[in-house]
Amino acid sequence: MKPSPAFNLLAQAEGWLLLGALGCYGLAMLLLWAHLFARDDEPPERGRAWHEVAELGSLCLLFVGANLHALSLLGQGSAVWGERGGVAGVFGCALVAAYLGWRQRVGQSTLGAFVTPVAFGAALFSLASPDLHPYIPQQQLEAQWLVLHVLLTLGGYVALAFAFASSVIYLVQDGLLKRKRLKGLWQRLPSLQVADEVIARATQCGLVLLSLGLGTGLAWTARHPSGYVFWRDPKVLFSLATWLTFALYVGARGALGWRGRRTNLVVVYGFVLLVLSFLGAPHLVAGR
């Protein structure tokens, strides 16, 4: 039976639809994580407004993403049932749809912070399956995967740079206050409390993006079994050390309640590792 024109159109556009779904899932995940880690001591009106924006924005993004994902799956046709990537894509789309139904019934969005990373990962795994995308040339598929990896990693770098700058502000102001020399232009610095909160939020956001960037990078290299071993790659090792440093900060702050100068020094050390990873560590590209 000859495919209908509508199916042919979906088949040709399914790669872009899947990328759109990934973008929606990623943005929704960031909003939900920001909502989850929001401060409890903010003014009631400001806190309520932020929660409403995060909840409504994430809900709309997930709804749009699930529909784009469903259209992408229709464009992939029966191949979704014969490929692990296809089954993963169906699982991710069904997971988001189930969460949206649960969210509508219960009115609670906290679970979304844990559901969306799973759906995002499932959609990424689907994107990495070339047999699901016959209309996309292999070179273009590789380029899309690489662009996604770079964008996620750079987004993490930007957030962690904000955390580093806020850590420097915190450390400078803390030292001036202890010496009672906070005068002139130094008095215009953000308060220690504000700087500390920016550090925490920026590091949490950066760690999520960096995790996704590392995950997509490792998945990309796993598809090139040409003697490449990631644990022998200096850039990967530096990146993992950077990730562990920032994860230590987030874990110590969240689980142990650590605050103050020594804790924020961890962010400075982590950013130094990040710069060394980006500028100083060589990258062994697969097959070279």
Protein backbone atom coordinates (compact mmCIF):
# COMPACT_ATOMS: atom_id res chain seq x y z
CA MET A 1 0.00 0.00 0.00
CA LYS A 2 1.39 3.38 -1.03
CA PRO A 3 2.02 5.77 1.90
CA SER A 4 -0.25 8.77 2.04
CA PRO A 5 1.13 12.27 1.34
CA ALA A 6 0.51 13.19 5.00
CA PHE A 7 2.65 10.28 6.19
CA ASN A 8 5.42 11.17 3.73
CA LEU A 9 5.37 14.72 5.04
CA LEU A 10 5.60 13.50 8.65
CA ALA A 11 8.38 11.06 7.73
CA GLN A 12 10.43 13.84 6.20
CA ALA A 13 9.84 16.21 9.12
CA GLU A 14 10.07 13.72 12.01
CA GLY A 15 13.69 14.56 12.80
CA TRP A 16 12.92 18.24 13.25
CA LEU A 17 9.77 17.41 15.21
CA LEU A 18 11.86 15.26 17.54
CA LEU A 19 14.38 18.07 17.99
CA GLY A 20 11.51 20.43 18.82
CA ALA A 21 10.22 17.96 21.40
CA LEU A 22 13.69 17.73 22.91
CA GLY A 23 13.87 21.51 23.19
CA CYS A 24 10.48 21.65 24.92
CA TYR A 25 11.42 18.85 27.33
CA GLY A 26 14.72 20.52 28.15
CA LEU A 27 13.20 23.93 28.86
CA ALA A 28 10.40 22.37 30.91
CA MET A 29 12.96 20.41 32.91
CA LEU A 30 14.89 23.59 33.76
CA LEU A 31 11.71 25.36 34.86
CA LEU A 32 10.66 22.43 37.02
CA TRP A 33 14.09 22.15 38.61
CA ALA A 34 14.13 25.89 39.30
CA HIS A 35 10.67 25.54 40.83
CA LEU A 36 11.82 22.60 42.95
CA PHE A 37 14.86 24.42 44.33
CA ALA A 38 13.17 27.79 44.77
CA ARG A 39 13.75 29.55 48.06
CA ASP A 40 11.13 29.20 50.77
CA ASP A 41 11.91 32.60 52.35
CA GLU A 42 11.04 34.78 49.37
CA PRO A 43 8.25 37.38 49.77
CA PRO A 44 4.88 35.62 49.38
CA GLU A 45 3.75 37.60 46.31
CA ARG A 46 7.06 37.19 44.49
CA GLY A 47 7.34 33.51 45.36
CA ARG A 48 3.75 32.82 44.31
CA ALA A 49 4.22 34.60 40.98
CA TRP A 50 7.41 32.65 40.24
CA HIS A 51 5.78 29.31 41.09
CA GLU A 52 2.82 30.10 38.84
CA VAL A 53 5.10 31.05 35.93
CA ALA A 54 7.23 27.89 36.38
CA GLU A 55 4.22 25.59 36.65
CA LEU A 56 2.28 27.09 33.74
CA GLY A 57 5.37 27.39 31.54
CA SER A 58 6.51 23.82 32.16
CA LEU A 59 2.96 22.53 31.61
CA CYS A 60 2.67 24.29 28.24
CA LEU A 61 6.14 23.18 27.15
CA LEU A 62 5.47 19.55 28.06
CA PHE A 63 2.12 19.62 26.26
CA VAL A 64 3.70 21.03 23.09
CA GLY A 65 6.68 18.68 23.41
CA ALA A 66 4.50 15.59 23.83
CA ASN A 67 2.49 16.49 20.72
CA LEU A 68 5.63 17.11 18.66
CA HIS A 69 7.05 13.83 19.94
CA ALA A 70 3.86 11.96 19.03
CA LEU A 71 3.93 13.40 15.50
CA SER A 72 7.58 12.39 15.22
CA LEU A 73 6.72 8.83 16.26
CA LEU A 74 3.95 8.72 13.62
CA GLY A 75 6.49 9.84 11.04
CA GLN A 76 8.85 7.03 12.05
CA GLY A 77 6.12 4.49 11.27
CA SER A 78 6.37 0.83 12.21
CA ALA A 79 10.16 1.15 12.66
CA VAL A 80 9.58 2.38 16.23
CA TRP A 81 8.63 -1.14 17.33
CA GLY A 82 11.69 -2.80 15.84
CA GLU A 83 14.35 -0.50 17.26
CA ARG A 84 15.35 0.07 20.88
CA GLY A 85 15.51 3.78 20.16
CA GLY A 86 11.96 3.68 18.83
CA VAL A 87 10.64 1.86 21.88
CA ALA A 88 12.50 4.35 24.09
CA GLY A 89 10.85 7.20 22.19
CA VAL A 90 7.39 5.70 22.68
CA PHE A 91 8.16 5.25 26.38
CA GLY A 92 9.30 8.86 26.76
CA CYS A 93 6.24 10.26 25.01
CA ALA A 94 3.88 8.02 27.02
CA LEU A 95 5.65 9.04 30.23
CA VAL A 96 5.08 12.73 29.55
CA ALA A 97 1.44 12.10 28.58
CA ALA A 98 0.89 10.12 31.78
CA TYR A 99 2.48 12.85 33.86
CA LEU A 100 0.31 15.52 32.23
CA GLY A 101 -2.80 13.48 33.03
CA TRP A 102 -1.64 12.95 36.60
CA ARG A 103 -0.74 16.63 36.93
CA GLN A 104 -4.20 17.67 35.73
CA ARG A 105 -5.87 15.34 38.22
CA VAL A 106 -3.69 15.89 41.29
CA GLY A 107 -2.51 19.47 40.73
CA GLN A 108 1.05 18.76 41.90
CA SER A 109 4.10 19.49 39.72
CA THR A 110 6.99 18.26 41.89
CA LEU A 111 7.05 14.86 40.20
CA GLY A 112 7.71 16.56 36.88
CA ALA A 113 11.23 17.50 37.98
CA PHE A 114 12.05 13.78 38.00
CA VAL A 115 9.90 12.69 35.05
CA THR A 116 11.18 15.18 32.48
CA PRO A 117 14.88 14.12 32.63
CA VAL A 118 13.81 10.53 31.92
CA ALA A 119 11.66 11.63 28.98
CA PHE A 120 14.47 13.86 27.71
CA GLY A 121 16.94 10.98 27.87
CA ALA A 122 14.53 8.63 26.09
CA ALA A 123 14.03 11.16 23.29
CA LEU A 124 17.80 11.61 23.00
CA PHE A 125 18.26 7.85 22.70
CA SER A 126 15.64 7.86 19.96
CA LEU A 127 17.46 10.63 18.11
CA ALA A 128 20.65 8.54 18.21
CA SER A 129 19.05 5.65 16.28
CA PRO A 130 19.80 6.26 12.56
CA ASP A 131 17.42 3.53 11.36
CA LEU A 132 14.51 5.59 12.67
CA HIS A 133 15.44 8.56 10.50
CA PRO A 134 15.81 7.30 6.91
CA TYR A 135 15.10 10.73 5.43
CA ILE A 136 17.93 12.35 7.39
CA PRO A 137 21.42 11.81 5.93
CA GLN A 138 23.81 10.19 8.39
CA GLN A 139 26.11 13.19 8.29
CA GLN A 140 23.23 15.56 9.09
CA LEU A 141 22.06 13.32 11.94
CA GLU A 142 25.57 13.34 13.39
CA ALA A 143 25.66 17.13 13.06
CA GLN A 144 22.32 17.53 14.87
CA TRP A 145 23.51 15.30 17.70
CA LEU A 146 26.78 17.19 17.98
CA VAL A 147 25.03 20.60 17.95
CA LEU A 148 22.72 19.43 20.74
CA HIS A 149 25.73 18.26 22.77
CA VAL A 150 27.55 21.57 22.26
CA LEU A 151 24.49 23.70 23.12
CA LEU A 152 23.80 21.79 26.33
CA THR A 153 27.45 21.95 27.39
CA LEU A 154 27.77 25.66 26.61
CA GLY A 155 24.54 26.34 28.51
CA GLY A 156 26.08 24.60 31.51
CA TYR A 157 29.26 26.64 31.11
CA VAL A 158 27.28 29.90 31.06
CA ALA A 159 25.35 29.01 34.22
CA LEU A 160 28.50 27.89 36.01
CA ALA A 161 30.27 31.11 34.95
CA PHE A 162 27.49 33.04 36.69
CA ALA A 163 28.03 30.86 39.77
CA PHE A 164 31.77 31.54 39.65
CA ALA A 165 31.28 35.32 39.34
CA SER A 166 28.85 35.29 42.25
CA SER A 167 31.32 33.23 44.29
CA VAL A 168 34.04 35.80 43.68
CA ILE A 169 31.64 38.57 44.76
CA TYR A 170 30.75 36.59 47.87
CA LEU A 171 34.37 35.92 48.82
CA VAL A 172 35.47 39.52 48.21
CA GLN A 173 32.59 40.98 50.18
CA ASP A 174 33.00 38.48 52.99
CA GLY A 175 36.68 39.38 53.32
CA LEU A 176 35.95 43.12 53.28
CA LEU A 177 33.25 42.77 55.91
CA LYS A 178 35.56 40.82 58.21
CA ARG A 179 38.19 43.55 57.89
CA LYS A 180 35.52 46.27 58.15
CA ARG A 181 36.65 47.81 54.88
CA LEU A 182 33.41 47.63 52.89
CA LYS A 183 33.36 51.21 51.58
CA GLY A 184 32.80 53.13 48.37
CA LEU A 185 32.03 51.08 45.29
CA TRP A 186 32.31 47.86 47.27
CA GLN A 187 29.07 48.76 49.04
CA ARG A 188 27.22 48.35 45.75
CA LEU A 189 27.98 44.64 45.67
CA PRO A 190 25.01 42.30 46.16
CA SER A 191 24.50 41.16 49.73
CA LEU A 192 26.05 37.92 50.90
CA GLN A 193 22.61 36.32 51.02
CA VAL A 194 21.78 37.34 47.44
CA ALA A 195 25.18 36.22 46.13
CA ASP A 196 24.89 32.90 47.96
CA GLU A 197 21.46 32.26 46.45
CA VAL A 198 22.65 33.10 42.93
CA ILE A 199 25.56 30.70 43.41
CA ALA A 200 23.24 27.89 44.45
CA ARG A 201 20.69 28.35 41.67
CA ALA A 202 23.25 28.90 38.91
CA THR A 203 25.26 25.86 40.01
CA GLN A 204 22.17 23.64 40.13
CA CYS A 205 21.12 24.75 36.65
CA GLY A 206 24.66 24.43 35.31
CA LEU A 207 25.10 20.97 36.77
CA VAL A 208 21.91 19.72 35.09
CA LEU A 209 22.96 21.11 31.70
CA LEU A 210 26.52 19.85 32.10
CA SER A 211 25.19 16.38 32.98
CA LEU A 212 23.08 16.34 29.82
CA GLY A 213 26.01 17.63 27.78
CA LEU A 214 28.34 14.94 29.10
CA GLY A 215 25.68 12.29 28.57
CA THR A 216 25.09 13.26 24.95
CA GLY A 217 28.83 13.45 24.33
CA LEU A 218 29.48 10.00 25.76
CA ALA A 219 26.54 8.57 23.83
CA TRP A 220 27.88 10.12 20.63
CA THR A 221 31.34 8.62 21.12
CA ALA A 222 29.81 5.22 21.99
CA ARG A 223 28.46 5.09 18.45
CA HIS A 224 31.99 5.21 17.04
CA PRO A 225 33.65 1.94 18.14
CA SER A 226 36.97 2.66 16.43
CA GLY A 227 39.32 2.10 19.33
CA TYR A 228 38.21 5.19 21.21
CA VAL A 229 38.11 4.71 25.00
CA PHE A 230 36.61 7.69 26.83
CA TRP A 231 38.44 7.09 30.11
CA ARG A 232 41.73 7.64 28.28
CA ASP A 233 40.59 11.00 26.92
CA PRO A 234 42.04 13.87 29.03
CA LYS A 235 39.14 16.21 28.18
CA VAL A 236 36.57 13.66 29.33
CA LEU A 237 38.48 13.03 32.56
CA PHE A 238 38.73 16.76 33.29
CA SER A 239 35.03 17.14 32.48
CA LEU A 240 34.12 14.34 34.88
CA ALA A 241 36.32 15.90 37.59
CA THR A 242 34.54 19.23 37.00
CA TRP A 243 31.15 17.55 37.23
CA LEU A 244 32.09 15.79 40.48
CA THR A 245 33.29 19.07 42.01
CA PHE A 246 30.02 20.88 41.30
CA ALA A 247 28.02 17.81 42.34
CA LEU A 248 29.89 17.87 45.65
CA TYR A 249 28.82 21.49 46.16
CA VAL A 250 25.16 20.79 45.32
CA GLY A 251 25.09 17.68 47.51
CA ALA A 252 26.81 19.35 50.46
CA ARG A 253 24.52 22.36 50.30
CA GLY A 254 21.30 20.41 49.78
CA ALA A 255 21.84 17.36 51.98
CA LEU A 256 24.19 18.71 54.67
CA GLY A 257 23.11 22.37 54.68
CA TRP A 258 26.63 23.69 54.16
CA ARG A 259 26.87 27.43 53.55
CA GLY A 260 29.46 30.17 53.58
CA ARG A 261 32.98 30.87 52.40
CA ARG A 262 34.44 27.36 52.31
CA THR A 263 31.46 25.92 50.49
CA ASN A 264 31.54 28.63 47.82
CA LEU A 265 35.27 28.08 47.34
CA VAL A 266 34.30 24.68 45.92
CA VAL A 267 32.52 26.52 43.06
CA VAL A 268 35.70 28.50 42.36
CA TYR A 269 37.78 25.30 42.25
CA GLY A 270 35.19 23.70 40.00
CA PHE A 271 35.28 26.60 37.57
CA VAL A 272 39.08 26.46 37.43
CA LEU A 273 38.77 22.79 36.45
CA LEU A 274 36.16 23.74 33.87
CA VAL A 275 38.50 26.30 32.27
CA LEU A 276 41.34 23.77 32.24
CA SER A 277 39.00 21.23 30.66
CA PHE A 278 37.85 23.67 27.97
CA LEU A 279 41.18 25.31 27.13
CA GLY A 280 43.95 23.06 28.33
CA ALA A 281 42.90 19.42 28.03
CA PRO A 282 43.35 17.82 24.58
CA HIS A 283 40.40 15.90 23.12
CA LEU A 284 40.97 12.50 21.52
CA VAL A 285 38.34 12.37 18.80
CA ALA A 286 37.05 8.90 17.96
CA GLY A 287 38.92 7.34 15.13
CA ARG A 288 41.83 9.81 15.17
